[in-house]
Amino acid sequence: AELLDEDLVFSLNDLAQRGAVHVEVIIELVEEGVLEPEG
């Protein structure tokens, strides 16, 4: 239920921790357009 909650907000580090990946992986996914963060 939390995963689909639009009000739930993660920082880059939070998302990396919850996804069990390194921050660099998320940065690459943002650069590729897979993830579109605010900011």
PDB file of all heavy atoms in Angstrom:
ATOM      1  N   ALA A   1       0.835  -1.203   0.000  1.00  0.00           N
ATOM      2  CA  ALA A   1       0.000   0.000   0.000  1.00  0.00           C
ATOM      3  C   ALA A   1       0.869   1.252   0.000  1.00  0.00           C
ATOM      4  O   ALA A   1       0.552   2.240  -0.651  1.00  0.00           O
ATOM      5  CB  ALA A   1      -0.933   0.000   1.196  1.00  0.00           C
ATOM      6  N   GLU A   2       1.984   1.225   0.718  1.00  0.00           N
ATOM      7  CA  GLU A   2       2.886   2.375   0.744  1.00  0.00           C
ATOM      8  C   GLU A   2       3.533   2.592  -0.611  1.00  0.00           C
ATOM      9  O   GLU A   2       3.774   3.722  -1.009  1.00  0.00           O
ATOM     10  CB  GLU A   2       3.986   2.179   1.794  1.00  0.00           C
ATOM     11  CG  GLU A   2       3.604   2.565   3.174  1.00  0.00           C
ATOM     12  CD  GLU A   2       4.793   2.539   4.107  1.00  0.00           C
ATOM     13  OE1 GLU A   2       5.868   3.022   3.729  1.00  0.00           O
ATOM     14  OE2 GLU A   2       4.628   2.029   5.219  1.00  0.00           O
ATOM     15  N   LEU A   3       3.846   1.520  -1.313  1.00  0.00           N
ATOM     16  CA  LEU A   3       4.526   1.650  -2.597  1.00  0.00           C
ATOM     17  C   LEU A   3       3.698   2.440  -3.593  1.00  0.00           C
ATOM     18  O   LEU A   3       4.238   3.130  -4.449  1.00  0.00           O
ATOM     19  CB  LEU A   3       4.827   0.267  -3.182  1.00  0.00           C
ATOM     20  CG  LEU A   3       5.790  -0.603  -2.395  1.00  0.00           C
ATOM     21  CD1 LEU A   3       5.956  -1.943  -3.091  1.00  0.00           C
ATOM     22  CD2 LEU A   3       7.125   0.073  -2.213  1.00  0.00           C
ATOM     23  N   LEU A   4       2.408   2.353  -3.497  1.00  0.00           N
ATOM     24  CA  LEU A   4       1.529   3.035  -4.432  1.00  0.00           C
ATOM     25  C   LEU A   4       1.086   4.397  -3.908  1.00  0.00           C
ATOM     26  O   LEU A   4       0.350   5.099  -4.584  1.00  0.00           O
ATOM     27  CB  LEU A   4       0.315   2.152  -4.731  1.00  0.00           C
ATOM     28  CG  LEU A   4       0.678   0.781  -5.304  1.00  0.00           C
ATOM     29  CD1 LEU A   4      -0.568  -0.059  -5.475  1.00  0.00           C
ATOM     30  CD2 LEU A   4       1.429   0.901  -6.605  1.00  0.00           C
ATOM     31  N   ASP A   5       1.528   4.767  -2.740  1.00  0.00           N
ATOM     32  CA  ASP A   5       1.134   6.019  -2.106  1.00  0.00           C
ATOM     33  C   ASP A   5       1.922   7.185  -2.713  1.00  0.00           C
ATOM     34  O   ASP A   5       3.122   7.287  -2.543  1.00  0.00           O
ATOM     35  CB  ASP A   5       1.383   5.932  -0.602  1.00  0.00           C
ATOM     36  CG  ASP A   5       0.895   7.147   0.163  1.00  0.00           C
ATOM     37  OD1 ASP A   5       0.451   8.122  -0.469  1.00  0.00           O
ATOM     38  OD2 ASP A   5       0.966   7.112   1.400  1.00  0.00           O
ATOM     39  N   GLU A   6       1.207   8.047  -3.415  1.00  0.00           N
ATOM     40  CA  GLU A   6       1.832   9.213  -4.041  1.00  0.00           C
ATOM     41  C   GLU A   6       2.356  10.207  -3.007  1.00  0.00           C
ATOM     42  O   GLU A   6       3.202  11.022  -3.311  1.00  0.00           O
ATOM     43  CB  GLU A   6       0.829   9.921  -4.966  1.00  0.00           C
ATOM     44  CG  GLU A   6       0.593   9.210  -6.267  1.00  0.00           C
ATOM     45  CD  GLU A   6       1.743   9.321  -7.255  1.00  0.00           C
ATOM     46  OE1 GLU A   6       2.543  10.274  -7.172  1.00  0.00           O
ATOM     47  OE2 GLU A   6       1.841   8.432  -8.106  1.00  0.00           O
ATOM     48  N   ASP A   7       1.821  10.140  -1.770  1.00  0.00           N
ATOM     49  CA  ASP A   7       2.234  11.086  -0.737  1.00  0.00           C
ATOM     50  C   ASP A   7       3.539  10.662  -0.061  1.00  0.00           C
ATOM     51  O   ASP A   7       4.166  11.460   0.620  1.00  0.00           O
ATOM     52  CB  ASP A   7       1.142  11.232   0.321  1.00  0.00           C
ATOM     53  CG  ASP A   7      -0.117  11.858  -0.249  1.00  0.00           C
ATOM     54  OD1 ASP A   7      -0.003  12.662  -1.204  1.00  0.00           O
ATOM     55  OD2 ASP A   7      -1.212  11.542   0.238  1.00  0.00           O
ATOM     56  N   LEU A   8       3.921   9.412  -0.246  1.00  0.00           N
ATOM     57  CA  LEU A   8       5.159   8.911   0.332  1.00  0.00           C
ATOM     58  C   LEU A   8       6.331   9.509  -0.437  1.00  0.00           C
ATOM     59  O   LEU A   8       6.347   9.488  -1.665  1.00  0.00           O
ATOM     60  CB  LEU A   8       5.193   7.382   0.237  1.00  0.00           C
ATOM     61  CG  LEU A   8       6.281   6.657   0.982  1.00  0.00           C
ATOM     62  CD1 LEU A   8       6.117   6.864   2.487  1.00  0.00           C
ATOM     63  CD2 LEU A   8       6.209   5.180   0.670  1.00  0.00           C
ATOM     64  N   VAL A   9       7.307  10.076   0.273  1.00  0.00           N
ATOM     65  CA  VAL A   9       8.431  10.750  -0.376  1.00  0.00           C
ATOM     66  C   VAL A   9       9.745  10.144   0.109  1.00  0.00           C
ATOM     67  O   VAL A   9       9.938   9.927   1.303  1.00  0.00           O
ATOM     68  CB  VAL A   9       8.411  12.268  -0.069  1.00  0.00           C
ATOM     69  CG1 VAL A   9       9.604  12.965  -0.702  1.00  0.00           C
ATOM     70  CG2 VAL A   9       7.108  12.891  -0.545  1.00  0.00           C
ATOM     71  N   PHE A  10      10.636   9.881  -0.858  1.00  0.00           N
ATOM     72  CA  PHE A  10      11.965   9.347  -0.558  1.00  0.00           C
ATOM     73  C   PHE A  10      13.031  10.294  -1.096  1.00  0.00           C
ATOM     74  O   PHE A  10      12.885  10.824  -2.193  1.00  0.00           O
ATOM     75  CB  PHE A  10      12.200   7.997  -1.260  1.00  0.00           C
ATOM     76  CG  PHE A  10      11.240   6.917  -0.887  1.00  0.00           C
ATOM     77  CD1 PHE A  10      10.304   6.460  -1.802  1.00  0.00           C
ATOM     78  CD2 PHE A  10      11.286   6.318   0.357  1.00  0.00           C
ATOM     79  CE1 PHE A  10       9.425   5.443  -1.482  1.00  0.00           C
ATOM     80  CE2 PHE A  10      10.406   5.298   0.690  1.00  0.00           C
ATOM     81  CZ  PHE A  10       9.479   4.859  -0.234  1.00  0.00           C
ATOM     82  N   SER A  11      14.102  10.444  -0.354  1.00  0.00           N
ATOM     83  CA  SER A  11      15.289  11.105  -0.893  1.00  0.00           C
ATOM     84  C   SER A  11      16.044  10.078  -1.730  1.00  0.00           C
ATOM     85  O   SER A  11      15.689   8.893  -1.749  1.00  0.00           O
ATOM     86  CB  SER A  11      16.184  11.593   0.252  1.00  0.00           C
ATOM     87  OG  SER A  11      16.760  10.472   0.919  1.00  0.00           O
ATOM     88  N   LEU A  12      17.084  10.512  -2.403  1.00  0.00           N
ATOM     89  CA  LEU A  12      17.918   9.598  -3.198  1.00  0.00           C
ATOM     90  C   LEU A  12      18.463   8.478  -2.325  1.00  0.00           C
ATOM     91  O   LEU A  12      18.392   7.301  -2.684  1.00  0.00           O
ATOM     92  CB  LEU A  12      19.048  10.386  -3.867  1.00  0.00           C
ATOM     93  CG  LEU A  12      20.082   9.588  -4.652  1.00  0.00           C
ATOM     94  CD1 LEU A  12      19.426   8.817  -5.791  1.00  0.00           C
ATOM     95  CD2 LEU A  12      21.161  10.522  -5.187  1.00  0.00           C
ATOM     96  N   ASN A  13      18.992   8.832  -1.161  1.00  0.00           N
ATOM     97  CA  ASN A  13      19.559   7.811  -0.269  1.00  0.00           C
ATOM     98  C   ASN A  13      18.489   6.878   0.276  1.00  0.00           C
ATOM     99  O   ASN A  13      18.724   5.677   0.422  1.00  0.00           O
ATOM    100  CB  ASN A  13      20.331   8.472   0.872  1.00  0.00           C
ATOM    101  CG  ASN A  13      21.626   9.090   0.401  1.00  0.00           C
ATOM    102  OD1 ASN A  13      22.276   8.578  -0.506  1.00  0.00           O
ATOM    103  ND2 ASN A  13      22.002  10.208   0.996  1.00  0.00           N
ATOM    104  N   ASP A  14      17.313   7.428   0.602  1.00  0.00           N
ATOM    105  CA  ASP A  14      16.209   6.587   1.082  1.00  0.00           C
ATOM    106  C   ASP A  14      15.806   5.561   0.025  1.00  0.00           C
ATOM    107  O   ASP A  14      15.606   4.391   0.329  1.00  0.00           O
ATOM    108  CB  ASP A  14      14.972   7.424   1.422  1.00  0.00           C
ATOM    109  CG  ASP A  14      15.158   8.324   2.627  1.00  0.00           C
ATOM    110  OD1 ASP A  14      16.056   8.041   3.448  1.00  0.00           O
ATOM    111  OD2 ASP A  14      14.399   9.310   2.740  1.00  0.00           O
ATOM    112  N   LEU A  15      15.674   6.037  -1.223  1.00  0.00           N
ATOM    113  CA  LEU A  15      15.271   5.143  -2.303  1.00  0.00           C
ATOM    114  C   LEU A  15      16.326   4.057  -2.524  1.00  0.00           C
ATOM    115  O   LEU A  15      15.991   2.890  -2.710  1.00  0.00           O
ATOM    116  CB  LEU A  15      15.025   5.922  -3.598  1.00  0.00           C
ATOM    117  CG  LEU A  15      14.384   5.123  -4.722  1.00  0.00           C
ATOM    118  CD1 LEU A  15      12.948   4.745  -4.366  1.00  0.00           C
ATOM    119  CD2 LEU A  15      14.416   5.905  -6.026  1.00  0.00           C
ATOM    120  N   ALA A  16      17.581   4.447  -2.470  1.00  0.00           N
ATOM    121  CA  ALA A  16      18.661   3.470  -2.641  1.00  0.00           C
ATOM    122  C   ALA A  16      18.607   2.415  -1.536  1.00  0.00           C
ATOM    123  O   ALA A  16      18.743   1.217  -1.807  1.00  0.00           O
ATOM    124  CB  ALA A  16      20.015   4.178  -2.638  1.00  0.00           C
ATOM    125  N   GLN A  17      18.376   2.862  -0.312  1.00  0.00           N
ATOM    126  CA  GLN A  17      18.301   1.912   0.806  1.00  0.00           C
ATOM    127  C   GLN A  17      17.092   0.998   0.650  1.00  0.00           C
ATOM    128  O   GLN A  17      17.206  -0.216   0.794  1.00  0.00           O
ATOM    129  CB  GLN A  17      18.225   2.665   2.128  1.00  0.00           C
ATOM    130  CG  GLN A  17      18.188   1.735   3.318  1.00  0.00           C
ATOM    131  CD  GLN A  17      18.093   2.481   4.635  1.00  0.00           C
ATOM    132  OE1 GLN A  17      17.810   3.664   4.679  1.00  0.00           O
ATOM    133  NE2 GLN A  17      18.328   1.763   5.716  1.00  0.00           N
ATOM    134  N   ARG A  18      15.925   1.555   0.336  1.00  0.00           N
ATOM    135  CA  ARG A  18      14.706   0.743   0.193  1.00  0.00           C
ATOM    136  C   ARG A  18      14.793  -0.216  -0.990  1.00  0.00           C
ATOM    137  O   ARG A  18      14.204  -1.281  -0.973  1.00  0.00           O
ATOM    138  CB  ARG A  18      13.480   1.627   0.022  1.00  0.00           C
ATOM    139  CG  ARG A  18      13.171   2.508   1.193  1.00  0.00           C
ATOM    140  CD  ARG A  18      12.322   1.769   2.205  1.00  0.00           C
ATOM    141  NE  ARG A  18      12.022   2.643   3.313  1.00  0.00           N
ATOM    142  CZ  ARG A  18      10.838   2.789   3.841  1.00  0.00           C
ATOM    143  NH1 ARG A  18       9.821   2.113   3.344  1.00  0.00           N
ATOM    144  NH2 ARG A  18      10.650   3.582   4.850  1.00  0.00           N
ATOM    145  N   GLY A  19      15.536   0.198  -2.032  1.00  0.00           N
ATOM    146  CA  GLY A  19      15.688  -0.651  -3.205  1.00  0.00           C
ATOM    147  C   GLY A  19      16.884  -1.576  -3.126  1.00  0.00           C
ATOM    148  O   GLY A  19      17.106  -2.401  -4.012  1.00  0.00           O
ATOM    149  N   ALA A  20      17.678  -1.428  -2.061  1.00  0.00           N
ATOM    150  CA  ALA A  20      18.884  -2.232  -1.855  1.00  0.00           C
ATOM    151  C   ALA A  20      19.842  -2.125  -3.037  1.00  0.00           C
ATOM    152  O   ALA A  20      20.385  -3.120  -3.515  1.00  0.00           O
ATOM    153  CB  ALA A  20      18.518  -3.690  -1.567  1.00  0.00           C
ATOM    154  N   VAL A  21      20.027  -0.893  -3.523  1.00  0.00           N
ATOM    155  CA  VAL A  21      20.970  -0.622  -4.616  1.00  0.00           C
ATOM    156  C   VAL A  21      21.852   0.561  -4.235  1.00  0.00           C
ATOM    157  O   VAL A  21      21.537   1.312  -3.311  1.00  0.00           O
ATOM    158  CB  VAL A  21      20.242  -0.311  -5.952  1.00  0.00           C
ATOM    159  CG1 VAL A  21      19.412  -1.490  -6.415  1.00  0.00           C
ATOM    160  CG2 VAL A  21      19.401   0.937  -5.851  1.00  0.00           C
ATOM    161  N   HIS A  22      22.929   0.720  -4.965  1.00  0.00           N
ATOM    162  CA  HIS A  22      23.793   1.872  -4.764  1.00  0.00           C
ATOM    163  C   HIS A  22      23.168   3.104  -5.398  1.00  0.00           C
ATOM    164  O   HIS A  22      22.428   3.016  -6.383  1.00  0.00           O
ATOM    165  CB  HIS A  22      25.173   1.626  -5.379  1.00  0.00           C
ATOM    166  CG  HIS A  22      25.942   0.557  -4.669  1.00  0.00           C
ATOM    167  ND1 HIS A  22      26.581   0.768  -3.484  1.00  0.00           N
ATOM    168  CD2 HIS A  22      26.146  -0.745  -4.988  1.00  0.00           C
ATOM    169  CE1 HIS A  22      27.161  -0.347  -3.089  1.00  0.00           C
ATOM    170  NE2 HIS A  22      26.912  -1.297  -3.981  1.00  0.00           N
ATOM    171  N   VAL A  23      23.476   4.246  -4.850  1.00  0.00           N
ATOM    172  CA  VAL A  23      22.967   5.526  -5.345  1.00  0.00           C
ATOM    173  C   VAL A  23      23.281   5.694  -6.831  1.00  0.00           C
ATOM    174  O   VAL A  23      22.462   6.221  -7.595  1.00  0.00           O
ATOM    175  CB  VAL A  23      23.571   6.682  -4.510  1.00  0.00           C
ATOM    176  CG1 VAL A  23      23.304   8.026  -5.139  1.00  0.00           C
ATOM    177  CG2 VAL A  23      23.034   6.639  -3.083  1.00  0.00           C
ATOM    178  N   GLU A  24      24.440   5.217  -7.259  1.00  0.00           N
ATOM    179  CA  GLU A  24      24.845   5.354  -8.663  1.00  0.00           C
ATOM    180  C   GLU A  24      23.866   4.672  -9.612  1.00  0.00           C
ATOM    181  O   GLU A  24      23.636   5.137 -10.717  1.00  0.00           O
ATOM    182  CB  GLU A  24      26.257   4.793  -8.886  1.00  0.00           C
ATOM    183  CG  GLU A  24      27.359   5.568  -8.191  1.00  0.00           C
ATOM    184  CD  GLU A  24      27.491   5.258  -6.694  1.00  0.00           C
ATOM    185  OE1 GLU A  24      26.971   4.203  -6.233  1.00  0.00           O
ATOM    186  OE2 GLU A  24      28.084   6.079  -5.980  1.00  0.00           O
ATOM    187  N   VAL A  25      23.284   3.560  -9.179  1.00  0.00           N
ATOM    188  CA  VAL A  25      22.299   2.845 -10.003  1.00  0.00           C
ATOM    189  C   VAL A  25      21.083   3.735 -10.231  1.00  0.00           C
ATOM    190  O   VAL A  25      20.583   3.849 -11.354  1.00  0.00           O
ATOM    191  CB  VAL A  25      21.887   1.511  -9.337  1.00  0.00           C
ATOM    192  CG1 VAL A  25      20.722   0.866 -10.067  1.00  0.00           C
ATOM    193  CG2 VAL A  25      23.078   0.564  -9.262  1.00  0.00           C
ATOM    194  N   ILE A  26      20.631   4.385  -9.186  1.00  0.00           N
ATOM    195  CA  ILE A  26      19.463   5.262  -9.309  1.00  0.00           C
ATOM    196  C   ILE A  26      19.785   6.449 -10.203  1.00  0.00           C
ATOM    197  O   ILE A  26      18.974   6.838 -11.054  1.00  0.00           O
ATOM    198  CB  ILE A  26      18.976   5.714  -7.925  1.00  0.00           C
ATOM    199  CG1 ILE A  26      18.486   4.484  -7.155  1.00  0.00           C
ATOM    200  CG2 ILE A  26      17.878   6.766  -8.048  1.00  0.00           C
ATOM    201  CD1 ILE A  26      18.131   4.739  -5.729  1.00  0.00           C
ATOM    202  N   ILE A  27      20.968   7.016 -10.048  1.00  0.00           N
ATOM    203  CA  ILE A  27      21.380   8.144 -10.897  1.00  0.00           C
ATOM    204  C   ILE A  27      21.364   7.729 -12.364  1.00  0.00           C
ATOM    205  O   ILE A  27      20.867   8.466 -13.220  1.00  0.00           O
ATOM    206  CB  ILE A  27      22.756   8.679 -10.457  1.00  0.00           C
ATOM    207  CG1 ILE A  27      22.640   9.342  -9.086  1.00  0.00           C
ATOM    208  CG2 ILE A  27      23.322   9.655 -11.500  1.00  0.00           C
ATOM    209  CD1 ILE A  27      23.963   9.727  -8.455  1.00  0.00           C
ATOM    210  N   GLU A  28      21.869   6.536 -12.666  1.00  0.00           N
ATOM    211  CA  GLU A  28      21.855   6.042 -14.049  1.00  0.00           C
ATOM    212  C   GLU A  28      20.428   5.851 -14.558  1.00  0.00           C
ATOM    213  O   GLU A  28      20.132   6.170 -15.710  1.00  0.00           O
ATOM    214  CB  GLU A  28      22.631   4.726 -14.148  1.00  0.00           C
ATOM    215  CG  GLU A  28      24.120   4.883 -13.982  1.00  0.00           C
ATOM    216  CD  GLU A  28      24.866   3.559 -13.966  1.00  0.00           C
ATOM    217  OE1 GLU A  28      24.221   2.493 -13.910  1.00  0.00           O
ATOM    218  OE2 GLU A  28      26.109   3.597 -13.998  1.00  0.00           O
ATOM    219  N   LEU A  29      19.541   5.358 -13.707  1.00  0.00           N
ATOM    220  CA  LEU A  29      18.143   5.168 -14.107  1.00  0.00           C
ATOM    221  C   LEU A  29      17.453   6.503 -14.351  1.00  0.00           C
ATOM    222  O   LEU A  29      16.621   6.629 -15.249  1.00  0.00           O
ATOM    223  CB  LEU A  29      17.390   4.347 -13.062  1.00  0.00           C
ATOM    224  CG  LEU A  29      17.795   2.875 -12.966  1.00  0.00           C
ATOM    225  CD1 LEU A  29      17.165   2.210 -11.748  1.00  0.00           C
ATOM    226  CD2 LEU A  29      17.430   2.118 -14.240  1.00  0.00           C
ATOM    227  N   VAL A  30      17.811   7.522 -13.583  1.00  0.00           N
ATOM    228  CA  VAL A  30      17.271   8.864 -13.808  1.00  0.00           C
ATOM    229  C   VAL A  30      17.789   9.409 -15.134  1.00  0.00           C
ATOM    230  O   VAL A  30      17.026   9.953 -15.943  1.00  0.00           O
ATOM    231  CB  VAL A  30      17.623   9.812 -12.641  1.00  0.00           C
ATOM    232  CG1 VAL A  30      17.293  11.262 -12.996  1.00  0.00           C
ATOM    233  CG2 VAL A  30      16.888   9.392 -11.366  1.00  0.00           C
ATOM    234  N   GLU A  31      19.078   9.243 -15.380  1.00  0.00           N
ATOM    235  CA  GLU A  31      19.677   9.726 -16.632  1.00  0.00           C
ATOM    236  C   GLU A  31      19.055   9.045 -17.845  1.00  0.00           C
ATOM    237  O   GLU A  31      18.922   9.652 -18.905  1.00  0.00           O
ATOM    238  CB  GLU A  31      21.186   9.503 -16.619  1.00  0.00           C
ATOM    239  CG  GLU A  31      21.915  10.412 -15.654  1.00  0.00           C
ATOM    240  CD  GLU A  31      23.388  10.069 -15.478  1.00  0.00           C
ATOM    241  OE1 GLU A  31      23.846   9.015 -15.996  1.00  0.00           O
ATOM    242  OE2 GLU A  31      24.086  10.856 -14.812  1.00  0.00           O
ATOM    243  N   GLU A  32      18.624   7.806 -17.692  1.00  0.00           N
ATOM    244  CA  GLU A  32      18.019   7.048 -18.790  1.00  0.00           C
ATOM    245  C   GLU A  32      16.516   7.322 -18.908  1.00  0.00           C
ATOM    246  O   GLU A  32      15.885   6.904 -19.871  1.00  0.00           O
ATOM    247  CB  GLU A  32      18.271   5.548 -18.591  1.00  0.00           C
ATOM    248  CG  GLU A  32      18.098   4.706 -19.807  1.00  0.00           C
ATOM    249  CD  GLU A  32      19.007   5.061 -20.969  1.00  0.00           C
ATOM    250  OE1 GLU A  32      20.221   5.262 -20.754  1.00  0.00           O
ATOM    251  OE2 GLU A  32      18.501   5.140 -22.100  1.00  0.00           O
ATOM    252  N   GLY A  33      15.947   8.022 -17.924  1.00  0.00           N
ATOM    253  CA  GLY A  33      14.537   8.360 -17.982  1.00  0.00           C
ATOM    254  C   GLY A  33      13.617   7.326 -17.364  1.00  0.00           C
ATOM    255  O   GLY A  33      12.398   7.447 -17.457  1.00  0.00           O
ATOM    256  N   VAL A  34      14.186   6.331 -16.725  1.00  0.00           N
ATOM    257  CA  VAL A  34      13.373   5.294 -16.077  1.00  0.00           C
ATOM    258  C   VAL A  34      12.704   5.863 -14.825  1.00  0.00           C
ATOM    259  O   VAL A  34      11.545   5.595 -14.545  1.00  0.00           O
ATOM    260  CB  VAL A  34      14.226   4.054 -15.722  1.00  0.00           C
ATOM    261  CG1 VAL A  34      13.432   3.052 -14.906  1.00  0.00           C
ATOM    262  CG2 VAL A  34      14.777   3.411 -16.990  1.00  0.00           C
ATOM    263  N   LEU A  35      13.446   6.659 -14.079  1.00  0.00           N
ATOM    264  CA  LEU A  35      12.928   7.333 -12.891  1.00  0.00           C
ATOM    265  C   LEU A  35      12.951   8.830 -13.146  1.00  0.00           C
ATOM    266  O   LEU A  35      13.907   9.339 -13.744  1.00  0.00           O
ATOM    267  CB  LEU A  35      13.769   6.994 -11.657  1.00  0.00           C
ATOM    268  CG  LEU A  35      13.801   5.536 -11.231  1.00  0.00           C
ATOM    269  CD1 LEU A  35      14.819   5.326 -10.121  1.00  0.00           C
ATOM    270  CD2 LEU A  35      12.433   5.077 -10.792  1.00  0.00           C
ATOM    271  N   GLU A  36      11.924   9.535 -12.692  1.00  0.00           N
ATOM    272  CA  GLU A  36      11.820  10.980 -12.910  1.00  0.00           C
ATOM    273  C   GLU A  36      11.531  11.669 -11.584  1.00  0.00           C
ATOM    274  O   GLU A  36      10.378  11.934 -11.248  1.00  0.00           O
ATOM    275  CB  GLU A  36      10.738  11.277 -13.935  1.00  0.00           C
ATOM    276  CG  GLU A  36      11.051  10.698 -15.296  1.00  0.00           C
ATOM    277  CD  GLU A  36       9.935  10.930 -16.311  1.00  0.00           C
ATOM    278  OE1 GLU A  36       8.893  11.518 -15.960  1.00  0.00           O
ATOM    279  OE2 GLU A  36      10.118  10.507 -17.455  1.00  0.00           O
ATOM    280  N   PRO A  37      12.590  11.974 -10.836  1.00  0.00           N
ATOM    281  CA  PRO A  37      12.389  12.607  -9.527  1.00  0.00           C
ATOM    282  C   PRO A  37      12.007  14.078  -9.662  1.00  0.00           C
ATOM    283  O   PRO A  37      12.222  14.698 -10.706  1.00  0.00           O
ATOM    284  CB  PRO A  37      13.769  12.471  -8.881  1.00  0.00           C
ATOM    285  CG  PRO A  37      14.714  12.507 -10.027  1.00  0.00           C
ATOM    286  CD  PRO A  37      14.004  11.776 -11.145  1.00  0.00           C
ATOM    287  N   GLU A  38      11.457  14.606  -8.593  1.00  0.00           N
ATOM    288  CA  GLU A  38      11.257  16.044  -8.492  1.00  0.00           C
ATOM    289  C   GLU A  38      12.564  16.626  -7.969  1.00  0.00           C
ATOM    290  O   GLU A  38      13.248  16.000  -7.185  1.00  0.00           O
ATOM    291  CB  GLU A  38      10.118  16.343  -7.523  1.00  0.00           C
ATOM    292  CG  GLU A  38       8.783  15.798  -7.971  1.00  0.00           C
ATOM    293  CD  GLU A  38       7.718  15.925  -6.899  1.00  0.00           C
ATOM    294  OE1 GLU A  38       7.942  16.596  -5.876  1.00  0.00           O
ATOM    295  OE2 GLU A  38       6.653  15.327  -7.087  1.00  0.00           O
ATOM    296  N   GLY A  39      12.913  17.832  -8.398  1.00  0.00           N
ATOM    297  CA  GLY A  39      14.154  18.468  -7.964  1.00  0.00           C
ATOM    298  C   GLY A  39      15.180  18.465  -9.072  1.00  0.00           C
ATOM    299  O   GLY A  39      15.149  17.616  -9.962  1.00  0.00           O
TER     300      GLY A  39
END
